[in-house]
Amino acid sequence: MNARTSAPKIVILGAGSAVFGQRAISAILRSERLRGADLHLVDIDEQPLELMTGLAEVMNREWGSGARISSTTRRREALPNADFVIVSVQVGPREEVWEKDWRIPLNHGIHQPYAENSGPGALAHTARNLPLIMAIAEDMQELCPEALFMNYVNPLIRLTLAVKRYSQVPVVGMCHQLLWGYAIAAALLAERYGIDVPPDVKIDTNHEHRHFREPLMAAGLKHLDIKAAGINHFSWVYDIRDKATGEDLYPELRRSWFTRQRETFEPLSRDIFEIFGLMPTPSDSHLCEFLPHVHDPVKKPWEKYGLHTQSWTGNHKRRADRRAVAQAIVDGKESVETLRNLRTEGVPEVIEGIHANLNTYIHQLNLLNDGLIPNLPDDAIVEVPGMSSGLGVRGLQMPPLPEPIAELCRRELAYSSLVVDACYHGDRELALQALLLDPTVNDIDTAREVLKDLLTEFAEYMPQFHR
């Protein structure tokens, strides 16, 4: 990719999203460097799309963005000659299918604390979303083959790998999970920086706890510089420094958590940090998905660590709240300025870096490894810091992970690779083999029954398995 002189054409697939759609649109339209952008909003759900389009028009007018805004329910109308395609889509009603991903294996005695990115539920999550993701990639190959596919859809490493393995379009996986690492570190180093940390603080993914984590994320980004790498939702802090002075803060971080901090604060992350020597970044919510140590039906370690899946009712409320705000702005009852400081999710940073050759540092990119982490497979998707420039997005080469951590990552990457192939080809035998590599599964008959029930329950969303 080369830096461009004209304004870019940006397509957002899933633009009707009340949460991500608002963030992505706001980030683009408040960017000084993306003024005049050709912005195409796409969603199959007409009513949310209409609302987000109206909101975009208000932003465009009030912020003087000079963008050309259009919307459609047909992605092929929007894709020709696109420069960037931002993908945030979901097959099936999100909370409804997520709960089934968790409950169906539980009916067979498999307790998944989270069931989104690994575990049997994540195989179903992959299988539902992969046909749509690949259909988008195929359309891009035909209509905008040089456009960057910016994937925000989970399971991130699996779907990003599918695009890389089975298409020719450039792809990068995008995620904000490192912010949880910043929040944890800010809480642990609170005394040093005068940060207020409530005694009952929780840094999980639940909407109900955002009032805890959002200020800590902001404080962490203000004071700290973290270099982390590994795989998405399972990355590890290589280096943590004071942003102003460059002082190495790892010794103080260890002292705080292991000697001064109460053991109930992110207890699984604390144990893993103490045992393996590097701090995990994603918080207990996601960390638990990739570990074989939290599923024992006798000892029930999920109770010890307070592990749980996401609050589905909280997700519904968050979506309803954001739609209400959007509607109030469109109706002229609330100022659009309330959305000016929404998180960018990395959208403008990547696009601006490429478009204007800015050499922009991005602290979290999911890319084909190819030596970026030397002791992980070259053909896997890994998460590293990197740079966005006229050359596109490029990861920074990191030192090897400690071997025990690398082995945990390699197991997940091998498992995920089989899941991708099984879900792409609709291969039931390969899907069963993949399940038997899952850390939550320890019985062949159980794996067969879980796979059968998942494929039956979600048959309408998994045509590749029912040809």
Protein backbone atom coordinates (compact mmCIF):
# COMPACT_ATOMS: atom_id res chain seq x y z
CA MET A 1 0.00 0.00 0.00
CA ASN A 2 1.14 3.54 -0.72
CA ALA A 3 0.09 6.78 0.91
CA ARG A 4 -2.80 8.38 -0.97
CA THR A 5 -3.39 12.03 -1.82
CA SER A 6 -7.19 11.91 -2.26
CA ALA A 7 -9.62 11.24 0.58
CA PRO A 8 -10.06 7.52 1.23
CA LYS A 9 -13.15 5.46 0.56
CA ILE A 10 -14.14 3.73 3.80
CA VAL A 11 -16.84 1.07 4.08
CA ILE A 12 -18.24 0.03 7.46
CA LEU A 13 -20.02 -3.35 7.40
CA GLY A 14 -22.24 -3.63 10.47
CA ALA A 15 -22.60 0.14 10.74
CA GLY A 16 -25.98 -0.20 12.44
CA SER A 17 -24.25 -1.39 15.63
CA ALA A 18 -25.31 0.93 18.44
CA VAL A 19 -21.94 0.59 20.18
CA PHE A 20 -19.21 -0.15 17.63
CA GLY A 21 -21.00 1.74 14.84
CA GLN A 22 -21.11 4.92 16.90
CA ARG A 23 -17.46 4.62 17.85
CA ALA A 24 -16.20 3.92 14.34
CA ILE A 25 -18.30 6.62 12.66
CA SER A 26 -17.44 9.18 15.32
CA ALA A 27 -13.72 8.37 15.10
CA ILE A 28 -13.66 8.82 11.33
CA LEU A 29 -15.74 12.00 11.21
CA ARG A 30 -13.80 13.82 13.93
CA SER A 31 -10.44 13.02 12.33
CA GLU A 32 -8.77 16.08 10.82
CA ARG A 33 -6.77 13.91 8.42
CA LEU A 34 -9.84 12.08 7.10
CA ARG A 35 -11.86 15.15 6.16
CA GLY A 36 -13.72 14.65 2.92
CA ALA A 37 -13.72 10.86 3.29
CA ASP A 38 -16.10 8.83 1.15
CA LEU A 39 -17.95 6.96 3.92
CA HIS A 40 -20.31 4.10 3.10
CA LEU A 41 -22.44 2.61 5.88
CA VAL A 42 -23.76 -0.93 5.39
CA ASP A 43 -26.09 -3.04 7.51
CA ILE A 44 -28.75 -5.62 6.68
CA ASP A 45 -31.01 -4.22 9.41
CA GLU A 46 -32.64 -1.13 7.89
CA GLN A 47 -33.87 0.63 11.02
CA PRO A 48 -30.55 0.76 12.94
CA LEU A 49 -28.79 1.65 9.68
CA GLU A 50 -31.16 4.58 9.16
CA LEU A 51 -30.50 5.80 12.69
CA MET A 52 -26.70 5.55 12.36
CA THR A 53 -26.82 7.27 8.97
CA GLY A 54 -28.81 10.13 10.49
CA LEU A 55 -26.30 10.33 13.33
CA ALA A 56 -23.39 10.38 10.87
CA GLU A 57 -25.02 13.25 8.99
CA VAL A 58 -25.33 15.26 12.20
CA MET A 59 -21.67 14.62 13.05
CA ASN A 60 -20.63 15.52 9.52
CA ARG A 61 -22.53 18.80 9.66
CA GLU A 62 -21.65 19.85 13.20
CA TRP A 63 -17.98 18.86 13.02
CA GLY A 64 -17.36 20.16 9.52
CA SER A 65 -16.04 16.80 8.36
CA GLY A 66 -16.86 17.34 4.69
CA ALA A 67 -17.50 13.62 4.24
CA ARG A 68 -19.65 12.08 1.55
CA ILE A 69 -22.00 9.76 3.41
CA SER A 70 -24.15 7.04 1.87
CA SER A 71 -25.83 3.92 3.21
CA THR A 72 -27.14 0.65 1.81
CA THR A 73 -28.26 -2.79 2.92
CA ARG A 74 -26.29 -4.35 0.03
CA ARG A 75 -22.55 -4.51 0.63
CA ARG A 76 -21.68 -5.10 -3.03
CA GLU A 77 -23.07 -1.64 -3.81
CA ALA A 78 -20.63 -0.09 -1.35
CA LEU A 79 -17.46 -2.12 -1.92
CA PRO A 80 -16.22 -1.16 -5.44
CA ASN A 81 -12.87 0.66 -5.21
CA ALA A 82 -12.93 0.84 -1.42
CA ASP A 83 -9.64 1.56 0.34
CA PHE A 84 -10.64 0.29 3.80
CA VAL A 85 -13.38 -2.14 4.80
CA ILE A 86 -14.21 -2.18 8.51
CA VAL A 87 -16.05 -5.36 9.47
CA SER A 88 -18.09 -5.67 12.68
CA VAL A 89 -20.84 -8.19 12.00
CA GLN A 90 -22.58 -10.99 13.85
CA VAL A 91 -24.57 -13.98 12.58
CA GLY A 92 -27.54 -14.73 14.83
CA PRO A 93 -28.91 -12.67 17.74
CA ARG A 94 -25.73 -12.03 19.72
CA GLU A 95 -26.81 -12.68 23.31
CA GLU A 96 -29.22 -15.48 22.38
CA VAL A 97 -26.65 -17.53 20.46
CA TRP A 98 -23.91 -16.75 23.00
CA GLU A 99 -26.00 -18.12 25.83
CA LYS A 100 -26.62 -21.30 23.83
CA ASP A 101 -22.86 -21.57 23.13
CA TRP A 102 -22.41 -21.65 26.90
CA ARG A 103 -25.46 -23.69 27.91
CA ILE A 104 -25.35 -26.55 25.38
CA PRO A 105 -21.89 -27.76 26.49
CA LEU A 106 -22.93 -27.21 30.11
CA ASN A 107 -25.81 -29.64 29.55
CA HIS A 108 -23.10 -32.25 28.91
CA GLY A 109 -21.04 -31.31 31.97
CA ILE A 110 -18.61 -28.88 30.29
CA HIS A 111 -18.33 -25.63 32.20
CA GLN A 112 -16.96 -22.82 30.02
CA PRO A 113 -16.46 -19.68 32.05
CA TYR A 114 -16.81 -17.40 29.00
CA ALA A 115 -17.53 -19.34 25.76
CA GLU A 116 -16.62 -16.71 23.19
CA ASN A 117 -13.11 -17.24 21.80
CA SER A 118 -12.21 -20.76 22.93
CA GLY A 119 -14.14 -23.73 24.27
CA PRO A 120 -16.82 -25.70 22.39
CA GLY A 121 -19.04 -22.62 22.22
CA ALA A 122 -16.35 -20.77 20.33
CA LEU A 123 -16.30 -23.51 17.69
CA ALA A 124 -19.97 -22.73 17.10
CA HIS A 125 -19.22 -18.99 17.21
CA THR A 126 -16.56 -19.50 14.52
CA ALA A 127 -18.79 -21.72 12.39
CA ARG A 128 -21.66 -19.20 12.37
CA ASN A 129 -19.56 -16.17 11.45
CA LEU A 130 -17.03 -17.72 9.09
CA PRO A 131 -19.27 -18.12 5.99
CA LEU A 132 -20.23 -14.43 6.15
CA ILE A 133 -16.66 -13.32 6.75
CA MET A 134 -15.47 -15.33 3.75
CA ALA A 135 -18.31 -14.06 1.56
CA ILE A 136 -17.18 -10.52 2.39
CA ALA A 137 -13.58 -11.42 1.55
CA GLU A 138 -14.66 -12.94 -1.77
CA ASP A 139 -16.62 -9.80 -2.67
CA MET A 140 -13.58 -7.70 -1.78
CA GLN A 141 -11.33 -9.82 -3.99
CA GLU A 142 -13.63 -9.01 -6.88
CA LEU A 143 -14.55 -5.39 -6.14
CA CYS A 144 -11.69 -3.87 -4.11
CA PRO A 145 -8.80 -6.37 -4.00
CA GLU A 146 -6.28 -3.91 -2.52
CA ALA A 147 -8.55 -2.68 0.27
CA LEU A 148 -7.55 -3.49 3.85
CA PHE A 149 -9.99 -5.87 5.58
CA MET A 150 -10.11 -4.56 9.17
CA ASN A 151 -11.66 -7.41 11.13
CA TYR A 152 -13.30 -6.66 14.49
CA VAL A 153 -15.27 -9.92 14.68
CA ASN A 154 -14.62 -12.64 17.28
CA PRO A 155 -13.22 -15.24 17.53
CA LEU A 156 -10.66 -12.80 16.18
CA ILE A 157 -7.63 -15.02 15.56
CA ARG A 158 -9.77 -17.66 13.85
CA LEU A 159 -11.70 -15.39 11.52
CA THR A 160 -8.64 -13.33 10.68
CA LEU A 161 -6.76 -16.55 9.93
CA ALA A 162 -9.59 -17.72 7.66
CA VAL A 163 -9.36 -14.54 5.57
CA LYS A 164 -5.58 -14.85 5.38
CA ARG A 165 -5.62 -18.56 4.58
CA TYR A 166 -8.52 -18.68 2.10
CA SER A 167 -8.39 -15.32 0.32
CA GLN A 168 -5.87 -12.85 -1.08
CA VAL A 169 -7.15 -9.64 0.48
CA PRO A 170 -4.93 -7.83 3.01
CA VAL A 171 -6.31 -8.35 6.52
CA VAL A 172 -5.62 -7.18 10.05
CA GLY A 173 -7.46 -8.20 13.21
CA MET A 174 -8.34 -5.30 15.50
CA CYS A 175 -9.17 -5.44 19.21
CA HIS A 176 -9.19 -3.16 22.27
CA GLN A 177 -8.51 -5.82 24.92
CA LEU A 178 -5.12 -4.40 25.91
CA LEU A 179 -7.05 -1.58 27.58
CA TRP A 180 -7.99 -4.07 30.30
CA GLY A 181 -4.27 -4.63 30.87
CA TYR A 182 -3.80 -0.88 31.22
CA ALA A 183 -6.67 -0.75 33.72
CA ILE A 184 -5.23 -3.60 35.81
CA ALA A 185 -1.78 -2.03 35.84
CA ALA A 186 -3.23 1.37 36.78
CA ALA A 187 -5.05 -0.20 39.72
CA LEU A 188 -1.87 -1.93 40.88
CA LEU A 189 0.22 1.24 40.54
CA ALA A 190 -2.49 3.55 41.86
CA GLU A 191 -0.50 4.77 44.87
CA ARG A 192 2.37 5.93 42.66
CA TYR A 193 0.09 8.04 40.45
CA GLY A 194 -2.57 9.10 42.94
CA ILE A 195 -5.29 7.10 41.18
CA ASP A 196 -8.52 6.48 43.09
CA VAL A 197 -9.38 2.76 43.18
CA PRO A 198 -12.67 1.77 44.88
CA PRO A 199 -12.31 -1.13 47.33
CA ASP A 200 -14.83 -3.24 45.39
CA VAL A 201 -13.26 -2.57 41.98
CA LYS A 202 -13.95 -5.09 39.19
CA ILE A 203 -12.20 -5.00 35.82
CA ASP A 204 -14.24 -7.55 33.91
CA THR A 205 -16.11 -7.07 30.64
CA ASN A 206 -19.56 -6.51 32.12
CA HIS A 207 -21.41 -3.34 31.19
CA GLU A 208 -22.40 -2.93 34.83
CA HIS A 209 -18.74 -2.46 35.81
CA ARG A 210 -17.75 0.10 33.19
CA HIS A 211 -17.71 2.83 35.89
CA PHE A 212 -14.78 0.96 37.46
CA ARG A 213 -12.72 0.17 34.41
CA GLU A 214 -13.15 3.23 32.18
CA PRO A 215 -11.39 5.69 34.54
CA LEU A 216 -8.63 3.13 35.18
CA MET A 217 -8.15 2.58 31.45
CA ALA A 218 -7.81 6.33 30.95
CA ALA A 219 -5.37 6.64 33.85
CA GLY A 220 -3.32 3.71 32.55
CA LEU A 221 -3.06 5.23 29.07
CA LYS A 222 -2.06 8.56 30.59
CA HIS A 223 0.76 7.28 32.80
CA LEU A 224 1.94 3.96 31.34
CA ASP A 225 3.49 2.47 28.22
CA ILE A 226 2.88 -1.27 27.84
CA LYS A 227 4.41 -3.54 25.21
CA ALA A 228 2.43 -6.78 25.11
CA ALA A 229 2.23 -9.69 22.70
CA GLY A 230 0.92 -13.24 22.34
CA ILE A 231 -2.45 -14.10 20.85
CA ASN A 232 -5.67 -12.13 20.94
CA HIS A 233 -7.33 -12.12 24.38
CA PHE A 234 -4.29 -14.04 25.64
CA SER A 235 -1.42 -11.57 25.44
CA TRP A 236 1.37 -10.91 27.90
CA VAL A 237 3.20 -7.83 29.14
CA TYR A 238 6.81 -7.88 27.90
CA ASP A 239 7.57 -4.39 29.14
CA ILE A 240 5.84 -1.72 31.23
CA ARG A 241 7.28 1.74 31.73
CA ASP A 242 6.43 5.16 33.05
CA LYS A 243 5.25 7.11 30.02
CA ALA A 244 7.03 10.30 31.07
CA THR A 245 10.34 8.99 32.41
CA GLY A 246 10.79 5.57 30.79
CA GLU A 247 11.33 3.95 34.20
CA ASP A 248 10.86 0.17 34.23
CA LEU A 249 7.75 -0.46 36.36
CA TYR A 250 7.72 -4.27 36.27
CA PRO A 251 9.42 -4.63 39.69
CA GLU A 252 6.92 -2.28 41.32
CA LEU A 253 4.02 -4.01 39.57
CA ARG A 254 5.13 -7.36 40.98
CA ARG A 255 5.61 -5.98 44.49
CA SER A 256 2.20 -4.35 44.46
CA TRP A 257 0.29 -7.43 43.35
CA PHE A 258 2.17 -10.05 45.33
CA THR A 259 2.75 -8.19 48.60
CA ARG A 260 0.36 -5.27 48.96
CA GLN A 261 -2.65 -5.92 46.73
CA ARG A 262 -5.50 -8.05 48.05
CA GLU A 263 -5.67 -11.51 46.52
CA THR A 264 -9.27 -11.06 45.39
CA PHE A 265 -8.26 -8.56 42.67
CA GLU A 266 -8.20 -10.47 39.33
CA PRO A 267 -7.18 -13.63 41.24
CA LEU A 268 -6.67 -15.87 38.21
CA SER A 269 -4.45 -13.31 36.49
CA ARG A 270 -2.54 -12.89 39.76
CA ASP A 271 -1.87 -16.64 40.07
CA ILE A 272 -0.84 -16.98 36.42
CA PHE A 273 1.44 -13.94 36.70
CA GLU A 274 3.10 -15.33 39.82
CA ILE A 275 3.56 -18.81 38.34
CA PHE A 276 4.63 -17.95 34.77
CA GLY A 277 6.46 -14.67 35.38
CA LEU A 278 4.69 -12.36 32.92
CA MET A 279 1.52 -10.39 33.57
CA PRO A 280 -1.41 -11.45 31.36
CA THR A 281 -3.33 -8.50 29.93
CA PRO A 282 -6.94 -9.50 29.20
CA SER A 283 -8.35 -9.72 32.77
CA ASP A 284 -9.75 -12.95 34.19
CA SER A 285 -12.82 -12.69 31.91
CA HIS A 286 -10.92 -13.64 28.76
CA LEU A 287 -7.81 -15.21 30.26
CA CYS A 288 -9.89 -18.13 31.54
CA GLU A 289 -10.95 -19.11 28.01
CA PHE A 290 -7.51 -20.40 27.08
CA LEU A 291 -6.40 -22.21 30.23
CA PRO A 292 -6.87 -25.91 31.04
CA HIS A 293 -6.90 -25.18 34.77
CA VAL A 294 -10.37 -23.74 35.35
CA HIS A 295 -12.85 -26.44 34.30
CA ASP A 296 -12.57 -29.28 36.82
CA PRO A 297 -16.17 -30.33 37.69
CA VAL A 298 -15.16 -31.57 41.16
CA LYS A 299 -13.06 -28.66 42.43
CA LYS A 300 -15.05 -26.03 40.45
CA PRO A 301 -12.21 -23.53 40.16
CA TRP A 302 -14.55 -21.04 38.46
CA GLU A 303 -16.04 -20.51 41.91
CA LYS A 304 -12.65 -19.86 43.51
CA TYR A 305 -11.75 -17.32 40.84
CA GLY A 306 -15.23 -15.82 40.40
CA LEU A 307 -15.30 -16.62 36.67
CA HIS A 308 -18.46 -16.04 34.66
CA THR A 309 -19.60 -15.34 31.17
CA GLN A 310 -20.56 -11.84 30.10
CA SER A 311 -23.75 -10.22 31.36
CA TRP A 312 -26.20 -10.63 28.49
CA THR A 313 -28.75 -8.34 30.14
CA GLY A 314 -25.99 -5.76 30.51
CA ASN A 315 -25.26 -6.01 26.79
CA HIS A 316 -28.92 -5.38 25.97
CA LYS A 317 -28.96 -2.34 28.24
CA ARG A 318 -25.75 -0.95 26.78
CA ARG A 319 -27.15 -1.25 23.27
CA ALA A 320 -30.45 0.32 24.25
CA ASP A 321 -28.68 3.19 26.02
CA ARG A 322 -26.48 3.93 23.00
CA ARG A 323 -29.43 3.84 20.61
CA ALA A 324 -31.34 6.23 22.87
CA VAL A 325 -28.41 8.65 22.80
CA ALA A 326 -28.16 8.40 19.00
CA GLN A 327 -31.89 9.03 18.59
CA ALA A 328 -31.79 12.03 20.94
CA ILE A 329 -28.95 13.56 18.90
CA VAL A 330 -30.71 12.95 15.59
CA ASP A 331 -33.90 14.49 17.04
CA GLY A 332 -31.98 17.56 18.18
CA LYS A 333 -32.61 16.88 21.88
CA GLU A 334 -28.97 16.25 22.80
CA SER A 335 -25.65 17.65 21.61
CA VAL A 336 -23.51 15.54 19.32
CA GLU A 337 -20.54 16.69 21.40
CA THR A 338 -21.39 13.90 23.86
CA LEU A 339 -19.89 11.49 21.29
CA ARG A 340 -16.72 13.42 20.53
CA ASN A 341 -14.60 11.49 23.03
CA LEU A 342 -15.76 7.95 22.28
CA ARG A 343 -12.97 5.36 22.03
CA THR A 344 -11.58 5.14 18.51
CA GLU A 345 -11.08 1.32 18.51
CA GLY A 346 -7.97 1.94 16.38
CA VAL A 347 -10.05 2.85 13.31
CA PRO A 348 -8.63 6.28 12.44
CA GLU A 349 -5.11 5.46 13.64
CA VAL A 350 -4.75 2.62 11.12
CA ILE A 351 -6.44 4.48 8.28
CA GLU A 352 -4.62 7.77 8.86
CA GLY A 353 -1.28 6.01 9.16
CA ILE A 354 -1.70 4.32 5.79
CA HIS A 355 -3.45 7.19 4.05
CA ALA A 356 -0.93 9.87 5.10
CA ASN A 357 2.14 7.66 5.70
CA LEU A 358 2.30 8.79 9.32
CA ASN A 359 4.27 5.86 10.78
CA THR A 360 1.62 5.61 13.49
CA TYR A 361 2.37 3.30 16.42
CA ILE A 362 -0.50 0.88 17.14
CA HIS A 363 -0.22 -1.02 20.41
CA GLN A 364 -2.30 -4.03 19.33
CA LEU A 365 -2.44 -5.62 15.86
CA ASN A 366 -3.39 -9.18 14.88
CA LEU A 367 -1.29 -10.29 11.93
CA LEU A 368 0.25 -13.37 10.35
CA ASN A 369 3.19 -14.24 12.60
CA ASP A 370 5.96 -14.84 10.05
CA GLY A 371 8.62 -14.50 12.75
CA LEU A 372 7.04 -11.70 14.78
CA ILE A 373 7.08 -13.97 17.86
CA PRO A 374 9.90 -16.44 17.09
CA ASN A 375 8.63 -19.40 19.13
CA LEU A 376 5.07 -19.34 17.80
CA PRO A 377 4.08 -20.86 14.40
CA ASP A 378 4.81 -18.65 11.41
CA ASP A 379 1.43 -19.38 9.80
CA ALA A 380 -0.59 -18.36 12.89
CA ILE A 381 -2.27 -15.05 13.70
CA VAL A 382 -0.49 -13.39 16.61
CA GLU A 383 -1.02 -10.14 18.46
CA VAL A 384 1.87 -7.67 18.57
CA PRO A 385 2.40 -3.92 18.62
CA GLY A 386 3.12 -2.45 15.23
CA MET A 387 3.00 0.45 12.84
CA SER A 388 0.59 1.85 10.28
CA SER A 389 2.24 3.61 7.35
CA GLY A 390 2.21 3.87 3.58
CA LEU A 391 3.47 0.27 3.57
CA GLY A 392 0.27 -0.86 5.31
CA VAL A 393 0.20 -2.37 8.79
CA ARG A 394 3.37 -4.08 9.96
CA GLY A 395 4.01 -5.81 13.26
CA LEU A 396 7.07 -5.28 15.44
CA GLN A 397 9.27 -8.32 15.98
CA MET A 398 9.15 -9.34 19.64
CA PRO A 399 11.47 -11.54 21.72
CA PRO A 400 10.43 -15.17 22.25
CA LEU A 401 7.78 -15.75 24.87
CA PRO A 402 8.83 -17.80 27.91
CA GLU A 403 8.48 -21.42 26.78
CA PRO A 404 5.63 -22.40 29.16
CA ILE A 405 3.57 -19.43 27.96
CA ALA A 406 4.54 -20.14 24.35
CA GLU A 407 3.31 -23.72 24.77
CA LEU A 408 -0.06 -22.52 26.03
CA CYS A 409 -0.28 -20.24 22.98
CA ARG A 410 0.85 -22.97 20.57
CA ARG A 411 -1.85 -25.33 21.83
CA GLU A 412 -4.54 -22.72 21.24
CA LEU A 413 -3.17 -21.80 17.82
CA ALA A 414 -3.03 -25.45 16.70
CA TYR A 415 -6.57 -25.97 17.94
CA SER A 416 -7.80 -22.78 16.26
CA SER A 417 -6.19 -23.74 12.97
CA LEU A 418 -8.15 -27.01 12.92
CA VAL A 419 -11.36 -25.16 13.84
CA VAL A 420 -10.86 -22.77 10.91
CA ASP A 421 -10.36 -25.60 8.43
CA ALA A 422 -13.31 -27.57 9.83
CA CYS A 423 -15.63 -24.57 9.72
CA TYR A 424 -14.51 -23.49 6.26
CA HIS A 425 -15.01 -26.91 4.69
CA GLY A 426 -17.93 -28.02 6.87
CA ASP A 427 -15.91 -31.07 7.91
CA ARG A 428 -17.59 -32.79 10.89
CA GLU A 429 -14.75 -35.26 11.44
CA LEU A 430 -12.22 -32.46 11.61
CA ALA A 431 -14.53 -30.51 13.94
CA LEU A 432 -14.61 -33.48 16.32
CA GLN A 433 -10.83 -33.77 16.19
CA ALA A 434 -10.58 -30.07 16.98
CA LEU A 435 -12.94 -30.35 19.94
CA LEU A 436 -10.79 -33.10 21.39
CA LEU A 437 -7.93 -30.60 21.55
CA ASP A 438 -10.04 -28.18 23.54
CA PRO A 439 -8.86 -27.70 27.15
CA THR A 440 -12.42 -28.06 28.47
CA VAL A 441 -13.07 -31.44 26.82
CA ASN A 442 -11.86 -34.69 28.43
CA ASP A 443 -14.25 -37.32 27.06
CA ILE A 444 -14.76 -38.56 23.48
CA ASP A 445 -18.47 -39.36 23.80
CA THR A 446 -19.12 -35.97 25.37
CA ALA A 447 -17.33 -34.25 22.50
CA ARG A 448 -19.48 -36.15 19.99
CA GLU A 449 -22.71 -35.22 21.77
CA VAL A 450 -21.77 -31.56 22.18
CA LEU A 451 -20.79 -31.27 18.51
CA LYS A 452 -24.03 -32.93 17.40
CA ASP A 453 -26.14 -30.61 19.54
CA LEU A 454 -24.32 -27.46 18.44
CA LEU A 455 -24.59 -28.35 14.75
CA THR A 456 -28.27 -29.18 15.16
CA GLU A 457 -29.14 -26.08 17.19
CA PHE A 458 -27.41 -23.69 14.78
CA ALA A 459 -28.10 -25.49 11.51
CA GLU A 460 -29.60 -22.39 9.87
CA TYR A 461 -26.40 -20.43 10.55
CA MET A 462 -23.96 -23.19 9.52
CA PRO A 463 -24.88 -24.21 5.97
CA GLN A 464 -21.36 -25.55 5.35
CA PHE A 465 -22.04 -28.46 7.73
CA HIS A 466 -25.42 -29.36 6.21
CA ARG A 467 -24.80 -29.63 2.49
